[in-house]
Amino acid sequence: MSNEKPNLAKEEQKKADEFENPPSSVIFEAIRRDGDYELSRPASALWWSGVAAGLAISSSVLCKGFLVSILPDTEWAPGISNLGYTVGFLLVILGRMQLFTENTITPILPLLLAPTRTHLWRTARLWTIVFVANLIGCAAAALVLVWGKIIPDERFHGILSVSRHYAEATSLEHFTWGIPAGFIIAALVWVSPRMEGAGEVLMIVILTYMIGLGGLSHVVAGSTELFVLVARGEISLYDALVGGILPAFAGNVLGGTGIFATLTYAQVRNEI
């Protein structure tokens, strides 16, 4: 009996450690189950959640623009104004809305585990619905901002400044700058099962602040900026799509799915 008690204590401690610090295979399984759930959701649920996410992520552009409008034009100002960039991501992720860049890993793990035609079709369906819905939400937000005159002019000038700066990048730059942005969002999804409460909020702020501070291209948040300029007639819809949205889309997919998701699968495939 004296030998059994220490062994039982060790087993209990091991279980407690695994609960607090789950191995990669456990995290993989948690995200895979989330992916299976998302893939099985009705199209209408995905659509409206995606539209809501497009509207909500636009608050990143608003808050960053507000800060730009009140801060002096100095080298250190972006260090503060890009804190505003995190606001939309907090709303979307904590609100459990459908953001396309999160889906570069969540439904991909079931596909990597069982690369069947059915899984491929379900993933393509999810991606198409969510991406288009996100763009519709961003476009709606941009139209209201420009035509609705709901923002004071001095603050709206900050939004325009942020949008014009984003549009200055070439399509190749949006693609290359979209790769680390996609990787970071996928990493955020990967670590989220370990986080809860204040820890989750802090992680969202830190990682999305990196995207804003680095001037990286996030396809959904960037779409609002481009649609604002389209609504004002400063660029064409074609230029917004071909010059910014689609290159950022490709970069985000490469960073999130092509790099992060495949690497995480590679490290756990023999443990699953």
C-alpha atoms as a PDB file:
ATOM      1  CA  MET A   1       0.000   0.000   0.000  1.00  0.00           C
ATOM      2  CA  SER A   2       2.853   2.380   0.763  1.00  0.00           C
ATOM      3  CA  ASN A   3       4.113   2.052  -2.832  1.00  0.00           C
ATOM      4  CA  GLU A   4       0.665   2.531  -4.359  1.00  0.00           C
ATOM      5  CA  LYS A   5       0.001   5.916  -2.747  1.00  0.00           C
ATOM      6  CA  PRO A   6       3.039   7.667  -4.264  1.00  0.00           C
ATOM      7  CA  ASN A   7       2.198   6.125  -7.658  1.00  0.00           C
ATOM      8  CA  LEU A   8      -1.384   7.351  -7.421  1.00  0.00           C
ATOM      9  CA  ALA A   9      -0.141  10.795  -6.458  1.00  0.00           C
ATOM     10  CA  LYS A  10       2.158  10.838  -9.488  1.00  0.00           C
ATOM     11  CA  GLU A  11      -0.704   9.803 -11.767  1.00  0.00           C
ATOM     12  CA  GLU A  12      -2.953  12.527 -10.400  1.00  0.00           C
ATOM     13  CA  GLN A  13      -0.180  15.108 -10.791  1.00  0.00           C
ATOM     14  CA  LYS A  14       0.420  13.945 -14.377  1.00  0.00           C
ATOM     15  CA  LYS A  15      -3.271  14.353 -15.195  1.00  0.00           C
ATOM     16  CA  ALA A  16      -3.290  17.817 -13.636  1.00  0.00           C
ATOM     17  CA  ASP A  17      -0.208  18.842 -15.637  1.00  0.00           C
ATOM     18  CA  GLU A  18      -1.775  17.600 -18.877  1.00  0.00           C
ATOM     19  CA  PHE A  19      -4.946  19.543 -18.111  1.00  0.00           C
ATOM     20  CA  GLU A  20      -3.020  22.774 -17.542  1.00  0.00           C
ATOM     21  CA  ASN A  21      -0.457  22.164 -20.303  1.00  0.00           C
ATOM     22  CA  PRO A  22      -2.071  19.829 -22.829  1.00  0.00           C
ATOM     23  CA  PRO A  23       0.251  18.186 -25.381  1.00  0.00           C
ATOM     24  CA  SER A  24       0.087  19.224 -29.025  1.00  0.00           C
ATOM     25  CA  SER A  25      -1.968  16.156 -29.957  1.00  0.00           C
ATOM     26  CA  VAL A  26      -4.680  17.190 -27.480  1.00  0.00           C
ATOM     27  CA  ILE A  27      -4.769  20.732 -28.879  1.00  0.00           C
ATOM     28  CA  PHE A  28      -4.927  19.298 -32.394  1.00  0.00           C
ATOM     29  CA  GLU A  29      -7.912  17.159 -31.437  1.00  0.00           C
ATOM     30  CA  ALA A  30      -9.728  20.096 -29.806  1.00  0.00           C
ATOM     31  CA  ILE A  31      -9.334  22.270 -32.903  1.00  0.00           C
ATOM     32  CA  ARG A  32     -10.209  19.363 -35.194  1.00  0.00           C
ATOM     33  CA  ARG A  33     -13.492  18.895 -33.359  1.00  0.00           C
ATOM     34  CA  ASP A  34     -14.199  22.609 -33.705  1.00  0.00           C
ATOM     35  CA  GLY A  35     -13.475  22.224 -37.406  1.00  0.00           C
ATOM     36  CA  ASP A  36     -15.878  19.312 -37.753  1.00  0.00           C
ATOM     37  CA  TYR A  37     -18.567  21.352 -36.031  1.00  0.00           C
ATOM     38  CA  GLU A  38     -18.016  24.373 -38.291  1.00  0.00           C
ATOM     39  CA  LEU A  39     -18.073  22.185 -41.398  1.00  0.00           C
ATOM     40  CA  SER A  40     -21.452  20.755 -40.396  1.00  0.00           C
ATOM     41  CA  ARG A  41     -23.150  24.099 -39.673  1.00  0.00           C
ATOM     42  CA  PRO A  42     -25.988  25.276 -41.933  1.00  0.00           C
ATOM     43  CA  ALA A  43     -25.033  27.686 -44.697  1.00  0.00           C
ATOM     44  CA  SER A  44     -27.321  30.400 -43.295  1.00  0.00           C
ATOM     45  CA  ALA A  45     -25.607  30.261 -39.886  1.00  0.00           C
ATOM     46  CA  LEU A  46     -22.164  30.550 -41.485  1.00  0.00           C
ATOM     47  CA  TRP A  47     -23.336  33.374 -43.741  1.00  0.00           C
ATOM     48  CA  TRP A  48     -24.811  35.645 -41.087  1.00  0.00           C
ATOM     49  CA  SER A  49     -21.959  34.986 -38.682  1.00  0.00           C
ATOM     50  CA  GLY A  50     -19.542  35.891 -41.493  1.00  0.00           C
ATOM     51  CA  VAL A  51     -21.406  39.114 -42.311  1.00  0.00           C
ATOM     52  CA  ALA A  52     -21.385  40.051 -38.631  1.00  0.00           C
ATOM     53  CA  ALA A  53     -17.636  39.395 -38.501  1.00  0.00           C
ATOM     54  CA  GLY A  54     -17.061  41.655 -41.514  1.00  0.00           C
ATOM     55  CA  LEU A  55     -18.976  44.448 -39.817  1.00  0.00           C
ATOM     56  CA  ALA A  56     -17.270  43.902 -36.459  1.00  0.00           C
ATOM     57  CA  ILE A  57     -13.716  43.688 -37.841  1.00  0.00           C
ATOM     58  CA  SER A  58     -14.286  47.133 -39.359  1.00  0.00           C
ATOM     59  CA  SER A  59     -14.081  48.559 -35.859  1.00  0.00           C
ATOM     60  CA  SER A  60     -10.328  47.895 -36.087  1.00  0.00           C
ATOM     61  CA  VAL A  61     -10.139  50.416 -38.927  1.00  0.00           C
ATOM     62  CA  LEU A  62     -12.338  52.859 -37.015  1.00  0.00           C
ATOM     63  CA  CYS A  63     -10.376  52.733 -33.771  1.00  0.00           C
ATOM     64  CA  LYS A  64      -6.997  52.890 -35.486  1.00  0.00           C
ATOM     65  CA  GLY A  65      -8.251  55.804 -37.591  1.00  0.00           C
ATOM     66  CA  PHE A  66      -9.521  57.617 -34.505  1.00  0.00           C
ATOM     67  CA  LEU A  67      -6.119  57.321 -32.847  1.00  0.00           C
ATOM     68  CA  VAL A  68      -4.309  58.442 -36.014  1.00  0.00           C
ATOM     69  CA  SER A  69      -6.543  61.524 -36.157  1.00  0.00           C
ATOM     70  CA  ILE A  70      -5.599  62.685 -32.651  1.00  0.00           C
ATOM     71  CA  LEU A  71      -1.931  61.645 -32.479  1.00  0.00           C
ATOM     72  CA  PRO A  72       0.882  63.802 -33.856  1.00  0.00           C
ATOM     73  CA  ASP A  73       2.618  62.690 -37.043  1.00  0.00           C
ATOM     74  CA  THR A  74       5.701  61.242 -35.377  1.00  0.00           C
ATOM     75  CA  GLU A  75       7.706  58.020 -35.601  1.00  0.00           C
ATOM     76  CA  TRP A  76       6.321  56.686 -32.308  1.00  0.00           C
ATOM     77  CA  ALA A  77       2.637  57.349 -33.102  1.00  0.00           C
ATOM     78  CA  PRO A  78       2.033  53.969 -34.859  1.00  0.00           C
ATOM     79  CA  GLY A  79       3.083  52.255 -31.650  1.00  0.00           C
ATOM     80  CA  ILE A  80      -0.070  53.652 -30.048  1.00  0.00           C
ATOM     81  CA  SER A  81      -2.464  53.888 -32.991  1.00  0.00           C
ATOM     82  CA  ASN A  82      -2.056  50.211 -33.837  1.00  0.00           C
ATOM     83  CA  LEU A  83      -3.493  49.285 -30.452  1.00  0.00           C
ATOM     84  CA  GLY A  84      -6.783  50.318 -32.046  1.00  0.00           C
ATOM     85  CA  TYR A  85      -6.247  47.622 -34.673  1.00  0.00           C
ATOM     86  CA  THR A  86      -6.839  44.946 -32.035  1.00  0.00           C
ATOM     87  CA  VAL A  87     -10.395  46.075 -31.214  1.00  0.00           C
ATOM     88  CA  GLY A  88     -12.150  44.415 -34.141  1.00  0.00           C
ATOM     89  CA  PHE A  89     -10.342  41.131 -33.580  1.00  0.00           C
ATOM     90  CA  LEU A  90     -11.376  41.134 -29.933  1.00  0.00           C
ATOM     91  CA  LEU A  91     -15.006  41.602 -30.947  1.00  0.00           C
ATOM     92  CA  VAL A  92     -14.901  38.895 -33.606  1.00  0.00           C
ATOM     93  CA  ILE A  93     -12.920  36.239 -31.755  1.00  0.00           C
ATOM     94  CA  LEU A  94     -14.520  36.660 -28.332  1.00  0.00           C
ATOM     95  CA  GLY A  95     -17.921  36.901 -30.043  1.00  0.00           C
ATOM     96  CA  ARG A  96     -17.176  33.588 -31.823  1.00  0.00           C
ATOM     97  CA  MET A  97     -18.013  35.054 -35.236  1.00  0.00           C
ATOM     98  CA  GLN A  98     -16.853  33.533 -38.511  1.00  0.00           C
ATOM     99  CA  LEU A  99     -13.610  35.197 -39.622  1.00  0.00           C
ATOM    100  CA  PHE A 100     -12.069  33.744 -42.765  1.00  0.00           C
ATOM    101  CA  THR A 101      -8.477  33.787 -41.551  1.00  0.00           C
ATOM    102  CA  GLU A 102      -9.373  31.660 -38.531  1.00  0.00           C
ATOM    103  CA  ASN A 103     -10.717  29.109 -40.979  1.00  0.00           C
ATOM    104  CA  THR A 104      -7.325  28.707 -42.637  1.00  0.00           C
ATOM    105  CA  ILE A 105      -6.587  26.191 -39.869  1.00  0.00           C
ATOM    106  CA  THR A 106      -9.797  25.118 -38.070  1.00  0.00           C
ATOM    107  CA  PRO A 107     -11.497  23.155 -40.915  1.00  0.00           C
ATOM    108  CA  ILE A 108      -8.135  22.241 -42.464  1.00  0.00           C
ATOM    109  CA  LEU A 109      -7.137  19.889 -39.646  1.00  0.00           C
ATOM    110  CA  PRO A 110     -10.033  17.471 -40.362  1.00  0.00           C
ATOM    111  CA  LEU A 111      -9.066  17.633 -44.049  1.00  0.00           C
ATOM    112  CA  LEU A 112      -5.414  16.826 -43.316  1.00  0.00           C
ATOM    113  CA  LEU A 113      -6.451  13.954 -41.067  1.00  0.00           C
ATOM    114  CA  ALA A 114      -8.836  12.507 -43.686  1.00  0.00           C
ATOM    115  CA  PRO A 115      -8.118  14.029 -47.126  1.00  0.00           C
ATOM    116  CA  THR A 116     -11.276  12.762 -48.805  1.00  0.00           C
ATOM    117  CA  ARG A 117     -13.345  14.349 -51.549  1.00  0.00           C
ATOM    118  CA  THR A 118     -16.158  14.943 -49.053  1.00  0.00           C
ATOM    119  CA  HIS A 119     -13.892  16.824 -46.655  1.00  0.00           C
ATOM    120  CA  LEU A 120     -12.462  18.854 -49.540  1.00  0.00           C
ATOM    121  CA  TRP A 121     -15.939  19.848 -50.723  1.00  0.00           C
ATOM    122  CA  ARG A 122     -17.086  20.758 -47.207  1.00  0.00           C
ATOM    123  CA  THR A 123     -13.990  22.898 -46.669  1.00  0.00           C
ATOM    124  CA  ALA A 124     -14.444  24.689 -50.010  1.00  0.00           C
ATOM    125  CA  ARG A 125     -18.093  25.340 -49.096  1.00  0.00           C
ATOM    126  CA  LEU A 126     -17.136  26.802 -45.713  1.00  0.00           C
ATOM    127  CA  TRP A 127     -14.378  28.967 -47.149  1.00  0.00           C
ATOM    128  CA  THR A 128     -16.564  30.344 -49.934  1.00  0.00           C
ATOM    129  CA  ILE A 129     -19.496  31.214 -47.682  1.00  0.00           C
ATOM    130  CA  VAL A 130     -17.410  32.797 -44.932  1.00  0.00           C
ATOM    131  CA  PHE A 131     -15.075  34.741 -47.220  1.00  0.00           C
ATOM    132  CA  VAL A 132     -17.869  36.236 -49.319  1.00  0.00           C
ATOM    133  CA  ALA A 133     -19.897  37.005 -46.185  1.00  0.00           C
ATOM    134  CA  ASN A 134     -16.888  38.753 -44.606  1.00  0.00           C
ATOM    135  CA  LEU A 135     -16.473  40.904 -47.728  1.00  0.00           C
ATOM    136  CA  ILE A 136     -20.171  41.799 -47.744  1.00  0.00           C
ATOM    137  CA  GLY A 137     -19.944  42.868 -44.107  1.00  0.00           C
ATOM    138  CA  CYS A 138     -16.817  44.957 -44.810  1.00  0.00           C
ATOM    139  CA  ALA A 139     -18.430  46.572 -47.857  1.00  0.00           C
ATOM    140  CA  ALA A 140     -21.573  47.404 -45.895  1.00  0.00           C
ATOM    141  CA  ALA A 141     -19.509  48.990 -43.127  1.00  0.00           C
ATOM    142  CA  ALA A 142     -17.523  51.031 -45.660  1.00  0.00           C
ATOM    143  CA  LEU A 143     -20.669  52.285 -47.416  1.00  0.00           C
ATOM    144  CA  VAL A 144     -22.218  53.384 -44.124  1.00  0.00           C
ATOM    145  CA  LEU A 145     -19.018  55.146 -43.092  1.00  0.00           C
ATOM    146  CA  VAL A 146     -18.699  57.048 -46.375  1.00  0.00           C
ATOM    147  CA  TRP A 147     -22.306  57.747 -47.287  1.00  0.00           C
ATOM    148  CA  GLY A 148     -23.923  57.705 -43.866  1.00  0.00           C
ATOM    149  CA  LYS A 149     -21.738  60.486 -42.461  1.00  0.00           C
ATOM    150  CA  ILE A 150     -21.895  58.789 -39.053  1.00  0.00           C
ATOM    151  CA  ILE A 151     -18.327  59.785 -38.074  1.00  0.00           C
ATOM    152  CA  PRO A 152     -17.180  63.384 -37.382  1.00  0.00           C
ATOM    153  CA  ASP A 153     -15.058  64.721 -40.239  1.00  0.00           C
ATOM    154  CA  GLU A 154     -11.894  65.101 -38.157  1.00  0.00           C
ATOM    155  CA  ARG A 155     -12.084  61.432 -37.121  1.00  0.00           C
ATOM    156  CA  PHE A 156     -13.049  60.265 -40.603  1.00  0.00           C
ATOM    157  CA  HIS A 157      -9.888  61.863 -41.968  1.00  0.00           C
ATOM    158  CA  GLY A 158      -7.926  59.482 -39.752  1.00  0.00           C
ATOM    159  CA  ILE A 159      -9.796  56.523 -41.262  1.00  0.00           C
ATOM    160  CA  LEU A 160      -9.015  57.830 -44.741  1.00  0.00           C
ATOM    161  CA  SER A 161      -5.340  58.165 -43.848  1.00  0.00           C
ATOM    162  CA  VAL A 162      -5.214  54.545 -42.669  1.00  0.00           C
ATOM    163  CA  SER A 163      -7.087  53.326 -45.759  1.00  0.00           C
ATOM    164  CA  ARG A 164      -4.901  55.250 -48.213  1.00  0.00           C
ATOM    165  CA  HIS A 165      -1.747  53.952 -46.569  1.00  0.00           C
ATOM    166  CA  TYR A 166      -2.989  50.366 -46.932  1.00  0.00           C
ATOM    167  CA  ALA A 167      -3.889  50.927 -50.598  1.00  0.00           C
ATOM    168  CA  GLU A 168      -0.383  52.203 -51.403  1.00  0.00           C
ATOM    169  CA  ALA A 169       1.048  48.678 -51.224  1.00  0.00           C
ATOM    170  CA  THR A 170       1.435  46.724 -54.450  1.00  0.00           C
ATOM    171  CA  SER A 171      -0.317  43.412 -55.071  1.00  0.00           C
ATOM    172  CA  LEU A 172       2.978  41.567 -54.535  1.00  0.00           C
ATOM    173  CA  GLU A 173       3.493  43.349 -51.232  1.00  0.00           C
ATOM    174  CA  HIS A 174      -0.027  42.470 -50.089  1.00  0.00           C
ATOM    175  CA  PHE A 175       0.702  38.835 -50.943  1.00  0.00           C
ATOM    176  CA  THR A 176       4.057  38.669 -49.158  1.00  0.00           C
ATOM    177  CA  TRP A 177       2.868  40.735 -46.186  1.00  0.00           C
ATOM    178  CA  GLY A 178      -0.209  38.515 -45.975  1.00  0.00           C
ATOM    179  CA  ILE A 179       1.869  35.393 -45.308  1.00  0.00           C
ATOM    180  CA  PRO A 180       3.027  36.322 -41.768  1.00  0.00           C
ATOM    181  CA  ALA A 181      -0.443  37.753 -41.003  1.00  0.00           C
ATOM    182  CA  GLY A 182      -2.055  34.419 -41.903  1.00  0.00           C
ATOM    183  CA  PHE A 183       0.554  32.561 -39.870  1.00  0.00           C
ATOM    184  CA  ILE A 184      -0.079  34.751 -36.808  1.00  0.00           C
ATOM    185  CA  ILE A 185      -3.872  34.296 -36.915  1.00  0.00           C
ATOM    186  CA  ALA A 186      -3.478  30.528 -37.310  1.00  0.00           C
ATOM    187  CA  ALA A 187      -1.087  30.538 -34.346  1.00  0.00           C
ATOM    188  CA  LEU A 188      -3.679  32.462 -32.343  1.00  0.00           C
ATOM    189  CA  VAL A 189      -6.272  29.783 -33.092  1.00  0.00           C
ATOM    190  CA  TRP A 190      -3.758  27.086 -32.127  1.00  0.00           C
ATOM    191  CA  VAL A 191      -2.992  28.544 -28.698  1.00  0.00           C
ATOM    192  CA  SER A 192      -6.600  29.502 -27.897  1.00  0.00           C
ATOM    193  CA  PRO A 193      -7.497  26.103 -26.310  1.00  0.00           C
ATOM    194  CA  ARG A 194      -4.824  26.843 -23.662  1.00  0.00           C
ATOM    195  CA  MET A 195      -6.247  30.280 -22.925  1.00  0.00           C
ATOM    196  CA  GLU A 196      -9.337  31.521 -21.167  1.00  0.00           C
ATOM    197  CA  GLY A 197     -10.508  34.740 -19.584  1.00  0.00           C
ATOM    198  CA  ALA A 198      -7.920  37.496 -19.340  1.00  0.00           C
ATOM    199  CA  GLY A 199      -5.247  35.259 -20.845  1.00  0.00           C
ATOM    200  CA  GLU A 200      -7.205  34.866 -24.065  1.00  0.00           C
ATOM    201  CA  VAL A 201      -7.849  38.615 -24.288  1.00  0.00           C
ATOM    202  CA  LEU A 202      -4.163  39.385 -23.761  1.00  0.00           C
ATOM    203  CA  MET A 203      -3.078  36.880 -26.401  1.00  0.00           C
ATOM    204  CA  ILE A 204      -5.523  38.299 -28.966  1.00  0.00           C
ATOM    205  CA  VAL A 205      -4.271  41.825 -28.272  1.00  0.00           C
ATOM    206  CA  ILE A 206      -0.580  40.888 -28.500  1.00  0.00           C
ATOM    207  CA  LEU A 207      -0.777  38.874 -31.711  1.00  0.00           C
ATOM    208  CA  THR A 208      -3.152  41.167 -33.616  1.00  0.00           C
ATOM    209  CA  TYR A 209      -1.147  44.191 -32.442  1.00  0.00           C
ATOM    210  CA  MET A 210       1.817  42.553 -34.177  1.00  0.00           C
ATOM    211  CA  ILE A 211      -0.134  42.486 -37.448  1.00  0.00           C
ATOM    212  CA  GLY A 212      -1.049  46.157 -37.210  1.00  0.00           C
ATOM    213  CA  LEU A 213       2.346  47.325 -35.984  1.00  0.00           C
ATOM    214  CA  GLY A 214       4.129  45.376 -38.707  1.00  0.00           C
ATOM    215  CA  GLY A 215       1.937  46.823 -41.446  1.00  0.00           C
ATOM    216  CA  LEU A 216       0.987  43.295 -42.503  1.00  0.00           C
ATOM    217  CA  SER A 217      -1.933  42.532 -44.813  1.00  0.00           C
ATOM    218  CA  HIS A 218      -5.023  40.940 -43.295  1.00  0.00           C
ATOM    219  CA  VAL A 219      -7.526  40.234 -46.042  1.00  0.00           C
ATOM    220  CA  VAL A 220     -10.706  40.990 -44.062  1.00  0.00           C
ATOM    221  CA  ALA A 221      -9.647  44.062 -42.087  1.00  0.00           C
ATOM    222  CA  GLY A 222      -7.853  45.379 -45.173  1.00  0.00           C
ATOM    223  CA  SER A 223     -11.010  44.933 -47.262  1.00  0.00           C
ATOM    224  CA  THR A 224     -12.816  47.571 -45.222  1.00  0.00           C
ATOM    225  CA  GLU A 225     -10.001  50.041 -45.879  1.00  0.00           C
ATOM    226  CA  LEU A 226     -10.105  49.355 -49.607  1.00  0.00           C
ATOM    227  CA  PHE A 227     -13.907  49.482 -49.791  1.00  0.00           C
ATOM    228  CA  VAL A 228     -13.851  52.884 -48.086  1.00  0.00           C
ATOM    229  CA  LEU A 229     -11.726  54.186 -50.960  1.00  0.00           C
ATOM    230  CA  VAL A 230     -13.955  52.467 -53.532  1.00  0.00           C
ATOM    231  CA  ALA A 231     -17.033  54.128 -52.036  1.00  0.00           C
ATOM    232  CA  ARG A 232     -15.304  57.507 -52.291  1.00  0.00           C
ATOM    233  CA  GLY A 233     -14.321  56.881 -55.909  1.00  0.00           C
ATOM    234  CA  GLU A 234     -10.570  57.014 -55.188  1.00  0.00           C
ATOM    235  CA  ILE A 235      -9.908  53.510 -56.529  1.00  0.00           C
ATOM    236  CA  SER A 236     -11.959  51.099 -58.646  1.00  0.00           C
ATOM    237  CA  LEU A 237     -13.548  47.913 -57.364  1.00  0.00           C
ATOM    238  CA  TYR A 238     -11.296  45.985 -59.748  1.00  0.00           C
ATOM    239  CA  ASP A 239      -8.171  47.577 -58.259  1.00  0.00           C
ATOM    240  CA  ALA A 240      -9.409  46.786 -54.743  1.00  0.00           C
ATOM    241  CA  LEU A 241     -10.034  43.128 -55.591  1.00  0.00           C
ATOM    242  CA  VAL A 242      -7.063  42.390 -57.832  1.00  0.00           C
ATOM    243  CA  GLY A 243      -4.567  44.778 -56.279  1.00  0.00           C
ATOM    244  CA  GLY A 244      -5.301  44.155 -52.600  1.00  0.00           C
ATOM    245  CA  ILE A 245      -7.970  41.672 -51.554  1.00  0.00           C
ATOM    246  CA  LEU A 246      -7.062  38.618 -53.637  1.00  0.00           C
ATOM    247  CA  PRO A 247      -3.273  38.909 -53.087  1.00  0.00           C
ATOM    248  CA  ALA A 248      -3.815  39.267 -49.321  1.00  0.00           C
ATOM    249  CA  PHE A 249      -6.209  36.304 -49.476  1.00  0.00           C
ATOM    250  CA  ALA A 250      -3.528  34.170 -51.133  1.00  0.00           C
ATOM    251  CA  GLY A 251      -0.880  35.285 -48.643  1.00  0.00           C
ATOM    252  CA  ASN A 252      -3.109  34.623 -45.623  1.00  0.00           C
ATOM    253  CA  VAL A 253      -3.965  31.137 -46.928  1.00  0.00           C
ATOM    254  CA  LEU A 254      -0.312  30.328 -47.569  1.00  0.00           C
ATOM    255  CA  GLY A 255       0.720  31.505 -44.108  1.00  0.00           C
ATOM    256  CA  GLY A 256      -2.205  29.977 -42.225  1.00  0.00           C
ATOM    257  CA  THR A 257      -2.852  26.763 -44.146  1.00  0.00           C
ATOM    258  CA  GLY A 258       0.224  26.139 -46.271  1.00  0.00           C
ATOM    259  CA  ILE A 259       2.703  26.756 -43.473  1.00  0.00           C
ATOM    260  CA  PHE A 260       1.202  26.754 -39.988  1.00  0.00           C
ATOM    261  CA  ALA A 261      -1.546  24.117 -40.364  1.00  0.00           C
ATOM    262  CA  THR A 262       0.692  21.669 -42.225  1.00  0.00           C
ATOM    263  CA  LEU A 263       3.527  22.102 -39.732  1.00  0.00           C
ATOM    264  CA  THR A 264       1.238  21.501 -36.763  1.00  0.00           C
ATOM    265  CA  TYR A 265      -0.160  18.393 -38.440  1.00  0.00           C
ATOM    266  CA  ALA A 266       3.334  17.118 -39.196  1.00  0.00           C
ATOM    267  CA  GLN A 267       4.374  17.335 -35.542  1.00  0.00           C
ATOM    268  CA  VAL A 268       1.382  15.367 -34.210  1.00  0.00           C
ATOM    269  CA  ARG A 269       0.449  12.937 -36.991  1.00  0.00           C
ATOM    270  CA  ASN A 270       2.305  10.042 -35.331  1.00  0.00           C
ATOM    271  CA  GLU A 271       0.639  10.770 -31.975  1.00  0.00           C
ATOM    272  CA  ILE A 272      -2.979  11.063 -33.074  1.00  0.00           C
END
